Every structure is written in structure tokens, then in C-alpha cells.
Amino acid sequence: MARQTDVRPIVRLRSSAGTGYTYVTRKNRRNDPDRLVLRKYDPIVRRHLEFREAR
């Protein structure tokens, strides 16, 4: 069972376009202590956008 202070927590990435589309991934807290920002594909607007970590 995962602990709250797990080194690789599950994070939800939300689209910056406001479509509500999300990706679920894991991140390493030691390498990325800040909020994660990745450029991913949003099929609702049919283009690549920035997806930001939502908590």
C-alpha cells in the first residue's frame, strides 16, 4: 500500500486549455519537487498543449 510520503506519487495532469481532459502519471519527488508541466496531446482541441500537475 502506498504511503503519503511515497517517492513516486501518482499525479494528475490537467489540460491548460480548460477542457477538463487529464492524464494520470507518476513523478519522482526527489528529481521534480515542483509541480510537473508536460507538453501532451489534448484530443478535445486536437493539438499539443501544456498539461500541469493538479493536486
PDB file of N, CA and C in Angstrom:
ATOM      1  N   MET A   1       0.830  -1.176   0.000  1.00  0.00           N
ATOM      2  CA  MET A   1       0.000   0.000   0.000  1.00  0.00           C
ATOM      3  C   MET A   1       0.882   1.249   0.000  1.00  0.00           C
ATOM      4  N   ALA A   2       0.546   2.226  -0.825  1.00  0.00           N
ATOM      5  CA  ALA A   2       1.370   3.418  -0.972  1.00  0.00           C
ATOM      6  C   ALA A   2       1.213   4.341   0.233  1.00  0.00           C
ATOM      7  N   ARG A   3       2.315   4.912   0.639  1.00  0.00           N
ATOM      8  CA  ARG A   3       2.291   5.872   1.738  1.00  0.00           C
ATOM      9  C   ARG A   3       2.111   7.278   1.189  1.00  0.00           C
ATOM     10  N   GLN A   4       1.726   8.199   2.051  1.00  0.00           N
ATOM     11  CA  GLN A   4       1.529   9.586   1.630  1.00  0.00           C
ATOM     12  C   GLN A   4       2.849  10.217   1.198  1.00  0.00           C
ATOM     13  N   THR A   5       3.956   9.842   1.827  1.00  0.00           N
ATOM     14  CA  THR A   5       5.255  10.421   1.500  1.00  0.00           C
ATOM     15  C   THR A   5       6.026   9.520   0.544  1.00  0.00           C
ATOM     16  N   ASP A   6       5.346   8.866  -0.348  1.00  0.00           N
ATOM     17  CA  ASP A   6       5.970   7.977  -1.319  1.00  0.00           C
ATOM     18  C   ASP A   6       6.908   8.783  -2.225  1.00  0.00           C
ATOM     19  N   VAL A   7       8.013   8.173  -2.647  1.00  0.00           N
ATOM     20  CA  VAL A   7       8.969   8.863  -3.507  1.00  0.00           C
ATOM     21  C   VAL A   7       8.374   9.106  -4.887  1.00  0.00           C
ATOM     22  N   ARG A   8       7.541   8.184  -5.372  1.00  0.00           N
ATOM     23  CA  ARG A   8       6.934   8.327  -6.700  1.00  0.00           C
ATOM     24  C   ARG A   8       5.412   8.356  -6.579  1.00  0.00           C
ATOM     25  N   PRO A   9       4.828   9.506  -6.216  1.00  0.00           N
ATOM     26  CA  PRO A   9       3.374   9.577  -6.072  1.00  0.00           C
ATOM     27  C   PRO A   9       2.671   9.654  -7.426  1.00  0.00           C
ATOM     28  N   ILE A  10       1.411   9.275  -7.431  1.00  0.00           N
ATOM     29  CA  ILE A  10       0.574   9.390  -8.625  1.00  0.00           C
ATOM     30  C   ILE A  10       0.068  10.824  -8.698  1.00  0.00           C
ATOM     31  N   VAL A  11       0.232  11.463  -9.858  1.00  0.00           N
ATOM     32  CA  VAL A  11      -0.227  12.841 -10.041  1.00  0.00           C
ATOM     33  C   VAL A  11      -1.163  12.903 -11.228  1.00  0.00           C
ATOM     34  N   ARG A  12      -2.042  13.879 -11.207  1.00  0.00           N
ATOM     35  CA  ARG A  12      -2.995  14.099 -12.296  1.00  0.00           C
ATOM     36  C   ARG A  12      -2.581  15.349 -13.050  1.00  0.00           C
ATOM     37  N   LEU A  13      -2.444  15.238 -14.369  1.00  0.00           N
ATOM     38  CA  LEU A  13      -2.069  16.363 -15.213  1.00  0.00           C
ATOM     39  C   LEU A  13      -3.324  16.878 -15.912  1.00  0.00           C
ATOM     40  N   ARG A  14      -3.630  18.169 -15.716  1.00  0.00           N
ATOM     41  CA  ARG A  14      -4.825  18.783 -16.280  1.00  0.00           C
ATOM     42  C   ARG A  14      -4.455  19.687 -17.456  1.00  0.00           C
ATOM     43  N   SER A  15      -5.286  19.695 -18.475  1.00  0.00           N
ATOM     44  CA  SER A  15      -5.042  20.494 -19.671  1.00  0.00           C
ATOM     45  C   SER A  15      -5.098  21.980 -19.350  1.00  0.00           C
ATOM     46  N   SER A  16      -4.191  22.748 -19.957  1.00  0.00           N
ATOM     47  CA  SER A  16      -4.183  24.195 -19.757  1.00  0.00           C
ATOM     48  C   SER A  16      -5.265  24.885 -20.581  1.00  0.00           C
ATOM     49  N   ALA A  17      -5.906  24.155 -21.511  1.00  0.00           N
ATOM     50  CA  ALA A  17      -6.958  24.736 -22.331  1.00  0.00           C
ATOM     51  C   ALA A  17      -8.291  24.798 -21.597  1.00  0.00           C
ATOM     52  N   GLY A  18      -8.377  24.151 -20.441  1.00  0.00           N
ATOM     53  CA  GLY A  18      -9.616  24.186 -19.676  1.00  0.00           C
ATOM     54  C   GLY A  18     -10.673  23.227 -20.184  1.00  0.00           C
ATOM     55  N   THR A  19     -10.275  22.203 -20.931  1.00  0.00           N
ATOM     56  CA  THR A  19     -11.235  21.242 -21.467  1.00  0.00           C
ATOM     57  C   THR A  19     -11.621  20.193 -20.450  1.00  0.00           C
ATOM     58  N   GLY A  20     -10.840  20.076 -19.379  1.00  0.00           N
ATOM     59  CA  GLY A  20     -11.116  19.062 -18.373  1.00  0.00           C
ATOM     60  C   GLY A  20     -10.452  17.730 -18.660  1.00  0.00           C
ATOM     61  N   TYR A  21      -9.714  17.626 -19.760  1.00  0.00           N
ATOM     62  CA  TYR A  21      -9.026  16.384 -20.106  1.00  0.00           C
ATOM     63  C   TYR A  21      -7.815  16.220 -19.198  1.00  0.00           C
ATOM     64  N   THR A  22      -7.586  14.995 -18.703  1.00  0.00           N
ATOM     65  CA  THR A  22      -6.480  14.754 -17.786  1.00  0.00           C
ATOM     66  C   THR A  22      -5.679  13.523 -18.188  1.00  0.00           C
ATOM     67  N   TYR A  23      -4.426  13.515 -17.791  1.00  0.00           N
ATOM     68  CA  TYR A  23      -3.561  12.342 -17.854  1.00  0.00           C
ATOM     69  C   TYR A  23      -3.192  11.991 -16.419  1.00  0.00           C
ATOM     70  N   VAL A  24      -2.957  10.718 -16.155  1.00  0.00           N
ATOM     71  CA  VAL A  24      -2.501  10.273 -14.848  1.00  0.00           C
ATOM     72  C   VAL A  24      -1.129   9.649 -15.031  1.00  0.00           C
ATOM     73  N   THR A  25      -0.166  10.092 -14.213  1.00  0.00           N
ATOM     74  CA  THR A  25       1.199   9.601 -14.318  1.00  0.00           C
ATOM     75  C   THR A  25       1.834   9.589 -12.939  1.00  0.00           C
ATOM     76  N   ARG A  26       3.081   9.163 -12.863  1.00  0.00           N
ATOM     77  CA  ARG A  26       3.836   9.174 -11.617  1.00  0.00           C
ATOM     78  C   ARG A  26       5.025  10.105 -11.794  1.00  0.00           C
ATOM     79  N   LYS A  27       5.465  10.705 -10.694  1.00  0.00           N
ATOM     80  CA  LYS A  27       6.654  11.554 -10.761  1.00  0.00           C
ATOM     81  C   LYS A  27       7.561  11.243  -9.584  1.00  0.00           C
ATOM     82  N   ASN A  28       8.822  11.541  -9.752  1.00  0.00           N
ATOM     83  CA  ASN A  28       9.809  11.343  -8.694  1.00  0.00           C
ATOM     84  C   ASN A  28       9.946  12.655  -7.930  1.00  0.00           C
ATOM     85  N   ARG A  29       9.591  12.652  -6.651  1.00  0.00           N
ATOM     86  CA  ARG A  29       9.645  13.879  -5.837  1.00  0.00           C
ATOM     87  C   ARG A  29      11.066  14.383  -5.648  1.00  0.00           C
ATOM     88  N   ARG A  30      12.036  13.497  -5.637  1.00  0.00           N
ATOM     89  CA  ARG A  30      13.418  13.937  -5.434  1.00  0.00           C
ATOM     90  C   ARG A  30      13.949  14.694  -6.646  1.00  0.00           C
ATOM     91  N   ASN A  31      13.572  14.268  -7.851  1.00  0.00           N
ATOM     92  CA  ASN A  31      14.047  14.944  -9.063  1.00  0.00           C
ATOM     93  C   ASN A  31      13.167  16.124  -9.452  1.00  0.00           C
ATOM     94  N   ASP A  32      11.873  16.055  -9.172  1.00  0.00           N
ATOM     95  CA  ASP A  32      10.921  17.107  -9.551  1.00  0.00           C
ATOM     96  C   ASP A  32      10.105  17.540  -8.338  1.00  0.00           C
ATOM     97  N   PRO A  33      10.676  18.330  -7.433  1.00  0.00           N
ATOM     98  CA  PRO A  33       9.912  18.724  -6.251  1.00  0.00           C
ATOM     99  C   PRO A  33       8.811  19.732  -6.568  1.00  0.00           C
ATOM    100  N   ASP A  34       8.954  20.489  -7.668  1.00  0.00           N
ATOM    101  CA  ASP A  34       7.932  21.461  -8.054  1.00  0.00           C
ATOM    102  C   ASP A  34       6.807  20.767  -8.817  1.00  0.00           C
ATOM    103  N   ARG A  35       5.788  21.534  -9.152  1.00  0.00           N
ATOM    104  CA  ARG A  35       4.684  20.968  -9.920  1.00  0.00           C
ATOM    105  C   ARG A  35       5.143  20.630 -11.332  1.00  0.00           C
ATOM    106  N   LEU A  36       4.689  19.499 -11.814  1.00  0.00           N
ATOM    107  CA  LEU A  36       5.108  18.973 -13.102  1.00  0.00           C
ATOM    108  C   LEU A  36       4.348  19.656 -14.237  1.00  0.00           C
ATOM    109  N   VAL A  37       5.055  20.000 -15.322  1.00  0.00           N
ATOM    110  CA  VAL A  37       4.440  20.570 -16.524  1.00  0.00           C
ATOM    111  C   VAL A  37       4.971  19.783 -17.705  1.00  0.00           C
ATOM    112  N   LEU A  38       4.069  19.126 -18.453  1.00  0.00           N
ATOM    113  CA  LEU A  38       4.448  18.352 -19.630  1.00  0.00           C
ATOM    114  C   LEU A  38       3.631  18.795 -20.829  1.00  0.00           C
ATOM    115  N   ARG A  39       4.220  18.684 -22.007  1.00  0.00           N
ATOM    116  CA  ARG A  39       3.518  19.007 -23.241  1.00  0.00           C
ATOM    117  C   ARG A  39       2.942  17.713 -23.795  1.00  0.00           C
ATOM    118  N   LYS A  40       1.593  17.599 -23.772  1.00  0.00           N
ATOM    119  CA  LYS A  40       0.906  16.370 -24.168  1.00  0.00           C
ATOM    120  C   LYS A  40      -0.203  16.727 -25.152  1.00  0.00           C
ATOM    121  N   TYR A  41      -0.809  15.689 -25.732  1.00  0.00           N
ATOM    122  CA  TYR A  41      -1.863  15.872 -26.721  1.00  0.00           C
ATOM    123  C   TYR A  41      -3.226  15.937 -26.037  1.00  0.00           C
ATOM    124  N   ASP A  42      -4.023  16.944 -26.396  1.00  0.00           N
ATOM    125  CA  ASP A  42      -5.398  17.070 -25.913  1.00  0.00           C
ATOM    126  C   ASP A  42      -6.330  16.749 -27.081  1.00  0.00           C
ATOM    127  N   PRO A  43      -7.017  15.601 -27.058  1.00  0.00           N
ATOM    128  CA  PRO A  43      -7.857  15.211 -28.188  1.00  0.00           C
ATOM    129  C   PRO A  43      -9.113  16.053 -28.346  1.00  0.00           C
ATOM    130  N   ILE A  44      -9.503  16.787 -27.327  1.00  0.00           N
ATOM    131  CA  ILE A  44     -10.704  17.612 -27.436  1.00  0.00           C
ATOM    132  C   ILE A  44     -10.450  18.816 -28.336  1.00  0.00           C
ATOM    133  N   VAL A  45      -9.302  19.470 -28.187  1.00  0.00           N
ATOM    134  CA  VAL A  45      -8.952  20.595 -29.053  1.00  0.00           C
ATOM    135  C   VAL A  45      -8.036  20.168 -30.193  1.00  0.00           C
ATOM    136  N   ARG A  46      -7.633  18.903 -30.199  1.00  0.00           N
ATOM    137  CA  ARG A  46      -6.819  18.287 -31.253  1.00  0.00           C
ATOM    138  C   ARG A  46      -5.493  19.007 -31.486  1.00  0.00           C
ATOM    139  N   ARG A  47      -4.775  19.245 -30.409  1.00  0.00           N
ATOM    140  CA  ARG A  47      -3.436  19.817 -30.506  1.00  0.00           C
ATOM    141  C   ARG A  47      -2.649  19.529 -29.246  1.00  0.00           C
ATOM    142  N   HIS A  48      -1.335  19.732 -29.317  1.00  0.00           N
ATOM    143  CA  HIS A  48      -0.473  19.548 -28.157  1.00  0.00           C
ATOM    144  C   HIS A  48      -0.506  20.819 -27.303  1.00  0.00           C
ATOM    145  N   LEU A  49      -0.660  20.628 -26.005  1.00  0.00           N
ATOM    146  CA  LEU A  49      -0.736  21.737 -25.063  1.00  0.00           C
ATOM    147  C   LEU A  49       0.071  21.407 -23.826  1.00  0.00           C
ATOM    148  N   GLU A  50       0.231  22.399 -22.958  1.00  0.00           N
ATOM    149  CA  GLU A  50       0.866  22.154 -21.669  1.00  0.00           C
ATOM    150  C   GLU A  50      -0.150  21.558 -20.718  1.00  0.00           C
ATOM    151  N   PHE A  51       0.245  20.499 -20.046  1.00  0.00           N
ATOM    152  CA  PHE A  51      -0.565  19.885 -19.018  1.00  0.00           C
ATOM    153  C   PHE A  51       0.161  20.115 -17.702  1.00  0.00           C
ATOM    154  N   ARG A  52      -0.544  20.661 -16.719  1.00  0.00           N
ATOM    155  CA  ARG A  52       0.051  20.993 -15.437  1.00  0.00           C
ATOM    156  C   ARG A  52      -0.462  20.077 -14.337  1.00  0.00           C
ATOM    157  N   GLU A  53       0.389  19.832 -13.370  1.00  0.00           N
ATOM    158  CA  GLU A  53       0.024  18.977 -12.245  1.00  0.00           C
ATOM    159  C   GLU A  53      -1.047  19.643 -11.397  1.00  0.00           C
ATOM    160  N   ALA A  54      -2.121  18.914 -11.137  1.00  0.00           N
ATOM    161  CA  ALA A  54      -3.194  19.390 -10.273  1.00  0.00           C
ATOM    162  C   ALA A  54      -3.186  18.551  -9.010  1.00  0.00           C
ATOM    163  N   ARG A  55      -3.432  19.176  -7.862  1.00  0.00           N
ATOM    164  CA  ARG A  55      -3.409  18.431  -6.603  1.00  0.00           C
ATOM    165  C   ARG A  55      -4.773  18.418  -5.958  1.00  0.00           C
TER     166      ARG A  55
END
